[in-house]
Amino acid sequence: MEQKNKVIINIGSQQYTILSDEPAEKIEGLAAQIDTRLKEIMESSTLSLTQALVLVSLDLANNVSKQAELAEKYKSEISDYLNDAANAMSERDKYKRELDRLKGRQA
């Protein structure tokens, strides 16, 4: 069984202990991003910590959704390129066979 990393992070002046398979540096970096975004929202509004955290969560969820859509788009484009390449190779092989056949007639 893989050992979990125990990471203590601070978000919105609140301390949290996280157990994760991810490296501590990654968790700390994510927490720092959330805390930065939270501070930006809190400085420009009169929202409570909970309300601001909900906005940060929605923003992050929206970003994840957009990235998933973009990844799916790229996956589809790559699949199209692979199909085009396979078709081009098949056509090349067909012409190569025809060329070999024609060369055989000349010999």
Protein backbone atom coordinates (compact mmCIF):
# COMPACT_ATOMS: atom_id res chain seq x y z
CA MET A 1 0.00 0.00 0.00
CA GLU A 2 1.29 3.42 -0.98
CA GLN A 3 2.09 5.78 1.87
CA LYS A 4 0.15 9.03 1.91
CA ASN A 5 1.87 12.35 2.37
CA LYS A 6 0.66 14.49 5.25
CA VAL A 7 0.66 18.13 4.19
CA ILE A 8 -0.37 21.14 6.24
CA ILE A 9 -1.70 24.00 4.14
CA ASN A 10 -3.18 27.43 4.82
CA ILE A 11 -6.11 28.79 2.85
CA GLY A 12 -7.94 31.91 3.95
CA SER A 13 -6.07 32.02 7.26
CA GLN A 14 -7.38 28.54 8.01
CA GLN A 15 -5.04 25.60 8.48
CA TYR A 16 -5.86 22.24 6.93
CA THR A 17 -4.12 18.90 7.13
CA ILE A 18 -4.26 16.95 3.88
CA LEU A 19 -3.40 13.30 3.29
CA SER A 20 -2.55 12.69 -0.35
CA ASP A 21 -0.69 10.42 -2.74
CA GLU A 22 0.54 13.57 -4.47
CA PRO A 23 3.88 15.14 -3.55
CA ALA A 24 3.70 17.75 -0.79
CA GLU A 25 5.03 20.43 -3.15
CA LYS A 26 2.13 19.90 -5.53
CA ILE A 27 -0.48 20.14 -2.76
CA GLU A 28 1.21 23.24 -1.36
CA GLY A 29 1.29 24.83 -4.81
CA LEU A 30 -2.40 24.16 -5.37
CA ALA A 31 -3.21 25.58 -1.94
CA ALA A 32 -1.19 28.70 -2.73
CA GLN A 33 -3.13 29.20 -5.97
CA ILE A 34 -6.44 28.85 -4.15
CA ASP A 35 -5.33 31.18 -1.36
CA THR A 36 -4.16 33.82 -3.86
CA ARG A 37 -7.46 33.71 -5.76
CA LEU A 38 -9.37 33.81 -2.47
CA LYS A 39 -7.46 36.89 -1.32
CA GLU A 40 -8.21 38.64 -4.63
CA ILE A 41 -11.93 37.98 -4.21
CA MET A 42 -11.98 38.93 -0.54
CA GLU A 43 -10.15 42.23 -1.19
CA SER A 44 -12.60 43.28 -3.88
CA SER A 45 -15.85 42.31 -2.14
CA THR A 46 -17.66 42.03 1.15
CA LEU A 47 -18.26 38.31 0.82
CA SER A 48 -17.78 35.93 3.69
CA LEU A 49 -14.95 33.40 3.58
CA THR A 50 -17.44 30.67 2.72
CA GLN A 51 -19.02 32.68 -0.10
CA ALA A 52 -15.61 33.56 -1.52
CA LEU A 53 -14.51 29.91 -1.34
CA VAL A 54 -17.65 28.93 -3.26
CA LEU A 55 -16.71 31.43 -5.99
CA VAL A 56 -13.14 30.12 -6.11
CA SER A 57 -14.49 26.57 -6.33
CA LEU A 58 -16.84 27.47 -9.17
CA ASP A 59 -14.04 29.24 -11.02
CA LEU A 60 -11.73 26.24 -10.64
CA ALA A 61 -14.48 23.82 -11.68
CA ASN A 62 -15.14 25.96 -14.75
CA ASN A 63 -11.43 25.93 -15.63
CA VAL A 64 -11.30 22.13 -15.25
CA SER A 65 -14.36 21.78 -17.48
CA LYS A 66 -12.83 24.02 -20.16
CA GLN A 67 -9.55 22.09 -20.04
CA ALA A 68 -11.41 18.77 -20.36
CA GLU A 69 -13.28 20.10 -23.40
CA LEU A 70 -10.03 21.33 -24.92
CA ALA A 71 -8.34 17.98 -24.28
CA GLU A 72 -11.26 16.20 -25.95
CA LYS A 73 -11.01 18.55 -28.94
CA TYR A 74 -7.27 17.89 -29.28
CA LYS A 75 -7.86 14.16 -28.92
CA SER A 76 -10.37 14.28 -31.76
CA GLU A 77 -8.01 16.32 -33.94
CA ILE A 78 -5.14 13.90 -33.31
CA SER A 79 -7.41 11.00 -34.20
CA ASP A 80 -8.34 12.75 -37.46
CA TYR A 81 -4.65 13.37 -38.24
CA LEU A 82 -3.82 9.72 -37.56
CA ASN A 83 -6.63 8.60 -39.87
CA ASP A 84 -5.41 10.99 -42.58
CA ALA A 85 -1.87 9.65 -42.19
CA ALA A 86 -3.08 6.04 -42.39
CA ASN A 87 -5.08 6.85 -45.52
CA ALA A 88 -2.07 8.58 -47.09
CA MET A 89 0.15 5.59 -46.33
CA SER A 90 -2.41 3.23 -47.80
CA GLU A 91 -2.64 5.32 -50.94
CA ARG A 92 1.17 5.54 -51.14
CA ASP A 93 1.39 1.73 -50.87
CA LYS A 94 -1.21 1.36 -53.62
CA TYR A 95 0.79 3.61 -55.96
CA LYS A 96 4.02 1.87 -55.03
CA ARG A 97 2.52 -1.50 -55.95
CA GLU A 98 1.27 -0.05 -59.23
CA LEU A 99 4.72 1.41 -59.96
CA ASP A 100 6.36 -1.94 -59.19
CA ARG A 101 3.86 -3.68 -61.48
CA LEU A 102 4.62 -1.24 -64.28
CA LYS A 103 8.38 -1.63 -63.80
CA GLY A 104 7.91 -5.41 -64.01
CA ARG A 105 6.28 -5.03 -67.43
CA GLN A 106 9.20 -3.00 -68.75
CA ALA A 107 11.82 -5.55 -67.72
